[in-house]
Each structure stands twice: as C-alpha cells, then as structure tokens.
Amino acid sequence: MCLAIPGKVVSIERASSPLMGTVNFGGIQKQVCLDLVPDVLLDEYVIVHVGFAISKMDEQEAQETLKLFEELDSGLDELKIPEI
C-alpha cells in the first residue's frame, strides 16, 4: 500500500525543468516535482506521492487529513510491544 501525503508549497522554481518546488510536511521540507500541478501557487497544498505532487488540495481538507494521520500514528503506539 502506498500513501500520498498533503504538504504546503513553500517555494517554486519556475525556471527549472521539470517544475520543482519545496513542500513542507509538518516541519520537514522536501524537494518535489510539481509538473503535474503547473498552476500551483505558493502556500497552496498539494498531495505528494513518491516525490511527485499529483493534485492540489484545499487547506481545510489538508489539515483534516494530517489530523487523521496523527490520530492513526498515536493509535499505533498502543499496539507497540514494550522493549524489555
């Protein structure tokens, strides 16, 4: 199973080919290919899968998705076997 993660576009390199930009994922910033969303603007949210922004997403939906990921992560902590 593969996940696509929402992130906020913090910079765009319009002169590069392919179109690239920096996307912030909750404090972690990564270079991402933006060729599939060439109309993206700074501070918009995109869904990123394996280094490619595959679509734009509105901020409210992105925040809701990120909150669900946090809840899932904290729920998984309960399943971890304690180290001895």
C-alpha atoms as a PDB file:
ATOM      1  CA  MET A   1       0.000   0.000   0.000  1.00  0.00           C
ATOM      2  CA  CYS A   2       1.280   3.477  -0.833  1.00  0.00           C
ATOM      3  CA  LEU A   3       0.230   6.755   0.711  1.00  0.00           C
ATOM      4  CA  ALA A   4       0.020  10.232  -0.715  1.00  0.00           C
ATOM      5  CA  ILE A   5       0.697  12.927   1.870  1.00  0.00           C
ATOM      6  CA  PRO A   6      -0.555  16.528   1.860  1.00  0.00           C
ATOM      7  CA  GLY A   7       2.023  19.286   2.176  1.00  0.00           C
ATOM      8  CA  LYS A   8       2.232  23.048   1.814  1.00  0.00           C
ATOM      9  CA  VAL A   9       4.177  24.571  -1.097  1.00  0.00           C
ATOM     10  CA  VAL A  10       6.774  26.968   0.319  1.00  0.00           C
ATOM     11  CA  SER A  11       8.819  27.669  -2.817  1.00  0.00           C
ATOM     12  CA  ILE A  12       8.507  27.122  -6.552  1.00  0.00           C
ATOM     13  CA  GLU A  13      11.374  27.006  -9.044  1.00  0.00           C
ATOM     14  CA  ARG A  14       9.503  28.096 -12.180  1.00  0.00           C
ATOM     15  CA  ALA A  15      12.709  28.207 -14.266  1.00  0.00           C
ATOM     16  CA  SER A  16      13.515  24.532 -13.655  1.00  0.00           C
ATOM     17  CA  SER A  17      12.545  21.692 -15.924  1.00  0.00           C
ATOM     18  CA  PRO A  18      10.822  19.661 -14.655  1.00  0.00           C
ATOM     19  CA  LEU A  19       8.966  22.182 -12.496  1.00  0.00           C
ATOM     20  CA  MET A  20      10.202  21.730  -8.932  1.00  0.00           C
ATOM     21  CA  GLY A  21       9.410  23.206  -5.565  1.00  0.00           C
ATOM     22  CA  THR A  22       9.844  22.793  -1.844  1.00  0.00           C
ATOM     23  CA  VAL A  23       6.933  21.339   0.111  1.00  0.00           C
ATOM     24  CA  ASN A  24       6.587  21.477   3.892  1.00  0.00           C
ATOM     25  CA  PHE A  25       5.264  18.339   5.586  1.00  0.00           C
ATOM     26  CA  GLY A  26       4.739  19.429   9.191  1.00  0.00           C
ATOM     27  CA  GLY A  27       8.211  20.909   9.540  1.00  0.00           C
ATOM     28  CA  ILE A  28      10.022  18.546   7.184  1.00  0.00           C
ATOM     29  CA  GLN A  29      10.761  20.167   3.831  1.00  0.00           C
ATOM     30  CA  LYS A  30      11.364  18.153   0.682  1.00  0.00           C
ATOM     31  CA  GLN A  31      12.020  18.927  -2.978  1.00  0.00           C
ATOM     32  CA  VAL A  32       9.005  17.786  -5.011  1.00  0.00           C
ATOM     33  CA  CYS A  33       8.248  17.634  -8.717  1.00  0.00           C
ATOM     34  CA  LEU A  34       5.325  19.986  -9.476  1.00  0.00           C
ATOM     35  CA  ASP A  35       4.959  19.194 -13.207  1.00  0.00           C
ATOM     36  CA  LEU A  36       1.544  17.559 -12.704  1.00  0.00           C
ATOM     37  CA  VAL A  37       0.181  20.710 -10.991  1.00  0.00           C
ATOM     38  CA  PRO A  38       1.799  23.532 -13.000  1.00  0.00           C
ATOM     39  CA  ASP A  39      -0.782  26.090 -11.837  1.00  0.00           C
ATOM     40  CA  VAL A  40       0.083  25.612  -8.135  1.00  0.00           C
ATOM     41  CA  LEU A  41       0.832  28.761  -6.136  1.00  0.00           C
ATOM     42  CA  LEU A  42       2.860  29.443  -3.002  1.00  0.00           C
ATOM     43  CA  ASP A  43       1.084  28.449   0.236  1.00  0.00           C
ATOM     44  CA  GLU A  44      -1.287  26.064  -1.547  1.00  0.00           C
ATOM     45  CA  TYR A  45      -1.477  22.436  -0.503  1.00  0.00           C
ATOM     46  CA  VAL A  46      -0.644  19.519  -2.755  1.00  0.00           C
ATOM     47  CA  ILE A  47      -0.893  15.763  -2.376  1.00  0.00           C
ATOM     48  CA  VAL A  48       2.538  14.177  -2.843  1.00  0.00           C
ATOM     49  CA  HIS A  49       3.228  10.586  -3.810  1.00  0.00           C
ATOM     50  CA  VAL A  50       6.831   9.332  -4.193  1.00  0.00           C
ATOM     51  CA  GLY A  51       8.191  12.811  -4.791  1.00  0.00           C
ATOM     52  CA  PHE A  52       5.517  13.995  -7.235  1.00  0.00           C
ATOM     53  CA  ALA A  53       2.706  16.421  -6.438  1.00  0.00           C
ATOM     54  CA  ILE A  54      -0.266  14.655  -8.016  1.00  0.00           C
ATOM     55  CA  SER A  55      -3.032  17.169  -7.254  1.00  0.00           C
ATOM     56  CA  LYS A  56      -3.892  20.311  -5.347  1.00  0.00           C
ATOM     57  CA  MET A  57      -5.897  20.174  -2.119  1.00  0.00           C
ATOM     58  CA  ASP A  58      -7.678  22.903  -0.184  1.00  0.00           C
ATOM     59  CA  GLU A  59      -6.203  23.840   3.187  1.00  0.00           C
ATOM     60  CA  GLN A  60      -9.125  22.625   5.298  1.00  0.00           C
ATOM     61  CA  GLU A  61      -9.076  19.171   3.698  1.00  0.00           C
ATOM     62  CA  ALA A  62      -5.276  19.006   4.072  1.00  0.00           C
ATOM     63  CA  GLN A  63      -5.481  19.873   7.781  1.00  0.00           C
ATOM     64  CA  GLU A  64      -8.200  17.259   8.335  1.00  0.00           C
ATOM     65  CA  THR A  65      -6.098  14.615   6.578  1.00  0.00           C
ATOM     66  CA  LEU A  66      -2.990  15.491   8.601  1.00  0.00           C
ATOM     67  CA  LYS A  67      -5.030  15.262  11.807  1.00  0.00           C
ATOM     68  CA  LEU A  68      -6.210  11.785  10.807  1.00  0.00           C
ATOM     69  CA  PHE A  69      -2.592  10.713  10.191  1.00  0.00           C
ATOM     70  CA  GLU A  70      -1.674  11.956  13.692  1.00  0.00           C
ATOM     71  CA  GLU A  71      -4.570  10.012  15.235  1.00  0.00           C
ATOM     72  CA  LEU A  72      -3.563   6.892  13.334  1.00  0.00           C
ATOM     73  CA  ASP A  73       0.041   7.233  14.498  1.00  0.00           C
ATOM     74  CA  SER A  74      -0.944   7.664  18.153  1.00  0.00           C
ATOM     75  CA  GLY A  75      -3.293   4.672  17.866  1.00  0.00           C
ATOM     76  CA  LEU A  76      -0.462   2.552  16.509  1.00  0.00           C
ATOM     77  CA  ASP A  77       1.679   3.459  19.534  1.00  0.00           C
ATOM     78  CA  GLU A  78      -0.752   1.476  21.687  1.00  0.00           C
ATOM     79  CA  LEU A  79      -0.009  -1.629  19.634  1.00  0.00           C
ATOM     80  CA  LYS A  80       3.767  -1.473  20.067  1.00  0.00           C
ATOM     81  CA  ILE A  81       5.354  -4.150  22.199  1.00  0.00           C
ATOM     82  CA  PRO A  82       7.271  -2.588  25.087  1.00  0.00           C
ATOM     83  CA  GLU A  83      11.030  -3.043  24.974  1.00  0.00           C
ATOM     84  CA  ILE A  84      12.485  -5.171  27.725  1.00  0.00           C
END
